[in-house]
Each structure stands twice: as C-alpha cells, then as structure tokens.
Amino acid sequence: MENEKGQIVDLYIPRKCSATGRLITAKDHASVQINIADVDANGVITNTFKTYALSGFVRSLGEADDSINRLSTQDGYLKNVWNYSK
C-alpha cells in the first residue's frame, strides 16, 4: 500500500519465486535470494545487479541449479548452458 506521497508503507512485502512465480512466504526459511553483479570489460563490478529469488519448493525438488542456469541464460549472463529438454 502507498500513502499520498507515493511511499510504500506496508510492513511486509512478499517476494515471488523467479523460477515458478509462487509467492515466497515469511515462513519459507529454505528460500534464497541471489544477486548476480554486472562486471565491465576489466572484470570490475559495476553498480548494477540482477536478483533471483528461489523458493524452498524449487530447492527441495533439486531444481535450483537448473532454474538459475535457465534464468541467467534468458537474461544474457550465460550462453549455451541451458537447453530445454522433455
């Protein structure tokens, strides 16, 4: 919720899982949030990064590594690492 000035005044804003789109509840203690920083041509970290949040459900299935590979390939961080297979 926002007030008249446009500031967020909620005490808790739930996150969404980047892999499944599920809400990550406050009681999901197995969830993680990973920030991947952008680097310049010299390998120095810039001030921008991409955040991935994974729910405990994805981690319990053992799909966290595949989800990170898929998401980072879609965002252009990885190339030729993740392939869709049935």
N, C-alpha and C. Protein backbone atom coordinates (compact mmCIF):
# COMPACT_ATOMS: atom_id res chain seq x y z
N MET A 1 0.84 -1.16 0.00
CA MET A 1 0.00 0.00 0.00
C MET A 1 0.89 1.24 0.00
N GLU A 2 0.43 2.28 -0.65
CA GLU A 2 1.18 3.53 -0.72
C GLU A 2 0.38 4.65 -0.06
N ASN A 3 1.08 5.60 0.51
CA ASN A 3 0.41 6.77 1.09
C ASN A 3 0.26 7.85 0.02
N GLU A 4 -0.15 9.05 0.42
CA GLU A 4 -0.40 10.12 -0.54
C GLU A 4 0.87 10.59 -1.24
N LYS A 5 2.03 10.41 -0.59
CA LYS A 5 3.30 10.85 -1.16
C LYS A 5 3.90 9.81 -2.11
N GLY A 6 3.28 8.65 -2.21
CA GLY A 6 3.78 7.60 -3.09
C GLY A 6 4.79 6.68 -2.43
N GLN A 7 4.93 6.79 -1.10
CA GLN A 7 5.87 5.94 -0.38
C GLN A 7 5.18 4.64 0.03
N ILE A 8 5.93 3.54 -0.03
CA ILE A 8 5.38 2.25 0.38
C ILE A 8 5.36 2.18 1.90
N VAL A 9 4.19 1.86 2.45
CA VAL A 9 4.03 1.86 3.90
C VAL A 9 3.71 0.48 4.46
N ASP A 10 3.74 -0.57 3.63
CA ASP A 10 3.48 -1.92 4.12
C ASP A 10 4.65 -2.39 4.97
N LEU A 11 4.35 -3.16 6.00
CA LEU A 11 5.40 -3.70 6.85
C LEU A 11 6.10 -4.89 6.20
N TYR A 12 5.37 -5.67 5.42
CA TYR A 12 5.95 -6.85 4.80
C TYR A 12 5.48 -6.94 3.36
N ILE A 13 6.41 -7.05 2.44
CA ILE A 13 6.09 -7.22 1.03
C ILE A 13 6.65 -8.58 0.60
N PRO A 14 5.78 -9.53 0.29
CA PRO A 14 6.28 -10.86 -0.07
C PRO A 14 7.00 -10.85 -1.42
N ARG A 15 7.99 -11.74 -1.54
CA ARG A 15 8.71 -11.88 -2.79
C ARG A 15 8.06 -12.98 -3.62
N LYS A 16 8.39 -13.00 -4.91
CA LYS A 16 7.93 -14.07 -5.79
C LYS A 16 9.14 -14.87 -6.24
N CYS A 17 8.94 -16.17 -6.36
CA CYS A 17 9.99 -17.04 -6.85
C CYS A 17 10.26 -16.71 -8.31
N SER A 18 11.52 -16.54 -8.66
CA SER A 18 11.88 -16.21 -10.04
C SER A 18 11.64 -17.38 -10.98
N ALA A 19 11.70 -18.60 -10.46
CA ALA A 19 11.57 -19.78 -11.31
C ALA A 19 10.11 -20.17 -11.54
N THR A 20 9.28 -20.10 -10.50
CA THR A 20 7.90 -20.58 -10.62
C THR A 20 6.85 -19.49 -10.56
N GLY A 21 7.18 -18.34 -10.00
CA GLY A 21 6.19 -17.28 -9.84
C GLY A 21 5.38 -17.41 -8.57
N ARG A 22 5.67 -18.43 -7.76
CA ARG A 22 4.95 -18.59 -6.48
C ARG A 22 5.39 -17.51 -5.49
N LEU A 23 4.49 -17.18 -4.58
CA LEU A 23 4.84 -16.26 -3.51
C LEU A 23 5.75 -16.96 -2.52
N ILE A 24 6.77 -16.25 -2.05
CA ILE A 24 7.64 -16.77 -1.01
C ILE A 24 7.13 -16.19 0.30
N THR A 25 6.61 -17.04 1.14
CA THR A 25 6.02 -16.59 2.40
C THR A 25 7.10 -16.28 3.43
N ALA A 26 6.69 -15.65 4.50
CA ALA A 26 7.62 -15.31 5.56
C ALA A 26 8.13 -16.55 6.29
N LYS A 27 7.38 -17.62 6.26
CA LYS A 27 7.76 -18.85 6.95
C LYS A 27 8.59 -19.79 6.09
N ASP A 28 8.87 -19.41 4.85
CA ASP A 28 9.68 -20.25 3.96
C ASP A 28 11.16 -19.99 4.25
N HIS A 29 11.70 -20.72 5.21
CA HIS A 29 13.08 -20.50 5.64
C HIS A 29 14.09 -21.19 4.73
N ALA A 30 13.63 -21.95 3.75
CA ALA A 30 14.53 -22.59 2.81
C ALA A 30 14.73 -21.76 1.55
N SER A 31 14.07 -20.63 1.44
CA SER A 31 14.19 -19.79 0.25
C SER A 31 15.50 -19.01 0.29
N VAL A 32 16.00 -18.67 -0.89
CA VAL A 32 17.23 -17.89 -1.00
C VAL A 32 17.02 -16.77 -2.01
N GLN A 33 17.83 -15.74 -1.87
CA GLN A 33 17.85 -14.64 -2.83
C GLN A 33 19.29 -14.43 -3.24
N ILE A 34 19.55 -14.48 -4.54
CA ILE A 34 20.91 -14.40 -5.07
C ILE A 34 21.01 -13.17 -5.96
N ASN A 35 22.01 -12.34 -5.69
CA ASN A 35 22.29 -11.17 -6.52
C ASN A 35 23.50 -11.49 -7.40
N ILE A 36 23.35 -11.33 -8.70
CA ILE A 36 24.46 -11.54 -9.64
C ILE A 36 24.83 -10.17 -10.19
N ALA A 37 26.07 -9.77 -9.89
CA ALA A 37 26.53 -8.42 -10.26
C ALA A 37 26.97 -8.39 -11.71
N ASP A 38 26.80 -7.23 -12.33
CA ASP A 38 27.32 -6.99 -13.67
C ASP A 38 28.77 -6.53 -13.53
N VAL A 39 29.60 -6.92 -14.49
CA VAL A 39 31.00 -6.51 -14.48
C VAL A 39 31.33 -5.82 -15.80
N ASP A 40 32.34 -4.97 -15.78
CA ASP A 40 32.77 -4.31 -17.01
C ASP A 40 33.82 -5.17 -17.71
N ALA A 41 34.45 -4.63 -18.75
CA ALA A 41 35.41 -5.39 -19.55
C ALA A 41 36.65 -5.79 -18.75
N ASN A 42 36.95 -5.05 -17.69
CA ASN A 42 38.12 -5.36 -16.86
C ASN A 42 37.79 -6.33 -15.73
N GLY A 43 36.53 -6.71 -15.61
CA GLY A 43 36.13 -7.62 -14.55
C GLY A 43 35.81 -6.94 -13.23
N VAL A 44 35.64 -5.64 -13.26
CA VAL A 44 35.31 -4.87 -12.06
C VAL A 44 33.79 -4.77 -11.95
N ILE A 45 33.30 -4.99 -10.74
CA ILE A 45 31.86 -4.95 -10.50
C ILE A 45 31.32 -3.54 -10.70
N THR A 46 30.24 -3.43 -11.48
CA THR A 46 29.55 -2.15 -11.63
C THR A 46 28.49 -2.05 -10.54
N ASN A 47 27.71 -1.02 -10.55
CA ASN A 47 26.69 -0.82 -9.51
C ASN A 47 25.36 -1.47 -9.84
N THR A 48 25.30 -2.27 -10.90
CA THR A 48 24.04 -2.92 -11.27
C THR A 48 24.14 -4.42 -11.02
N PHE A 49 23.00 -5.01 -10.73
CA PHE A 49 22.94 -6.45 -10.50
C PHE A 49 21.56 -6.96 -10.81
N LYS A 50 21.45 -8.27 -10.95
CA LYS A 50 20.17 -8.95 -11.19
C LYS A 50 19.89 -9.84 -9.98
N THR A 51 18.67 -9.77 -9.48
CA THR A 51 18.29 -10.54 -8.30
C THR A 51 17.41 -11.71 -8.69
N TYR A 52 17.76 -12.88 -8.20
CA TYR A 52 16.96 -14.09 -8.38
C TYR A 52 16.54 -14.58 -7.01
N ALA A 53 15.24 -14.82 -6.84
CA ALA A 53 14.71 -15.38 -5.59
C ALA A 53 14.18 -16.77 -5.89
N LEU A 54 14.63 -17.75 -5.12
CA LEU A 54 14.18 -19.12 -5.30
C LEU A 54 13.47 -19.59 -4.04
N SER A 55 12.30 -20.17 -4.23
CA SER A 55 11.52 -20.65 -3.09
C SER A 55 12.09 -21.96 -2.57
N GLY A 56 11.71 -22.31 -1.37
CA GLY A 56 12.12 -23.58 -0.80
C GLY A 56 11.56 -24.76 -1.57
N PHE A 57 10.42 -24.57 -2.22
CA PHE A 57 9.82 -25.63 -3.03
C PHE A 57 10.75 -26.02 -4.19
N VAL A 58 11.27 -25.04 -4.89
CA VAL A 58 12.18 -25.31 -6.01
C VAL A 58 13.46 -25.96 -5.50
N ARG A 59 13.97 -25.48 -4.38
CA ARG A 59 15.19 -26.04 -3.82
C ARG A 59 14.98 -27.47 -3.33
N SER A 60 13.80 -27.77 -2.79
CA SER A 60 13.55 -29.13 -2.29
C SER A 60 13.42 -30.14 -3.42
N LEU A 61 13.02 -29.67 -4.60
CA LEU A 61 12.95 -30.55 -5.77
C LEU A 61 14.31 -30.78 -6.41
N GLY A 62 15.32 -30.03 -6.00
CA GLY A 62 16.63 -30.14 -6.60
C GLY A 62 16.73 -29.44 -7.94
N GLU A 63 15.87 -28.47 -8.19
CA GLU A 63 15.83 -27.76 -9.47
C GLU A 63 16.42 -26.36 -9.38
N ALA A 64 17.07 -26.02 -8.28
CA ALA A 64 17.58 -24.66 -8.11
C ALA A 64 18.69 -24.36 -9.11
N ASP A 65 19.62 -25.29 -9.30
CA ASP A 65 20.73 -25.03 -10.21
C ASP A 65 20.25 -24.91 -11.65
N ASP A 66 19.31 -25.75 -12.04
CA ASP A 66 18.77 -25.67 -13.39
C ASP A 66 17.98 -24.38 -13.59
N SER A 67 17.27 -23.96 -12.55
CA SER A 67 16.49 -22.72 -12.64
C SER A 67 17.40 -21.50 -12.76
N ILE A 68 18.49 -21.48 -12.00
CA ILE A 68 19.44 -20.37 -12.09
C ILE A 68 20.07 -20.34 -13.47
N ASN A 69 20.43 -21.51 -14.01
CA ASN A 69 21.00 -21.56 -15.36
C ASN A 69 20.00 -21.06 -16.39
N ARG A 70 18.74 -21.48 -16.28
CA ARG A 70 17.71 -21.06 -17.24
C ARG A 70 17.47 -19.56 -17.17
N LEU A 71 17.34 -19.03 -15.96
CA LEU A 71 17.06 -17.59 -15.80
C LEU A 71 18.25 -16.74 -16.24
N SER A 72 19.46 -17.16 -15.90
CA SER A 72 20.62 -16.36 -16.29
C SER A 72 20.90 -16.46 -17.79
N THR A 73 20.53 -17.58 -18.42
CA THR A 73 20.64 -17.68 -19.87
C THR A 73 19.64 -16.73 -20.54
N GLN A 74 18.42 -16.67 -20.00
CA GLN A 74 17.42 -15.75 -20.56
C GLN A 74 17.84 -14.29 -20.41
N ASP A 75 18.56 -13.98 -19.32
CA ASP A 75 18.99 -12.60 -19.08
C ASP A 75 20.30 -12.27 -19.77
N GLY A 76 20.93 -13.25 -20.41
CA GLY A 76 22.15 -12.99 -21.16
C GLY A 76 23.43 -13.15 -20.38
N TYR A 77 23.39 -13.69 -19.17
CA TYR A 77 24.60 -13.90 -18.39
C TYR A 77 25.35 -15.16 -18.83
N LEU A 78 24.63 -16.17 -19.29
CA LEU A 78 25.22 -17.43 -19.73
C LEU A 78 24.86 -17.67 -21.18
N LYS A 79 25.71 -18.41 -21.87
CA LYS A 79 25.42 -18.77 -23.26
C LYS A 79 25.67 -20.25 -23.44
N ASN A 80 24.74 -20.92 -24.11
CA ASN A 80 24.85 -22.33 -24.44
C ASN A 80 25.04 -23.23 -23.22
N VAL A 81 24.39 -22.89 -22.12
CA VAL A 81 24.48 -23.72 -20.92
C VAL A 81 23.19 -24.47 -20.70
N TRP A 82 22.07 -23.81 -20.87
CA TRP A 82 20.78 -24.43 -20.57
C TRP A 82 20.05 -24.73 -21.85
N ASN A 83 19.58 -25.96 -22.00
CA ASN A 83 18.76 -26.37 -23.13
C ASN A 83 17.48 -26.98 -22.61
N TYR A 84 16.38 -26.67 -23.27
CA TYR A 84 15.10 -27.25 -22.87
C TYR A 84 15.03 -28.68 -23.38
N SER A 85 14.72 -29.60 -22.47
CA SER A 85 14.54 -30.99 -22.88
C SER A 85 13.36 -31.56 -22.13
N LYS A 86 12.57 -32.41 -22.82
CA LYS A 86 11.39 -33.01 -22.19
C LYS A 86 11.76 -34.27 -21.48
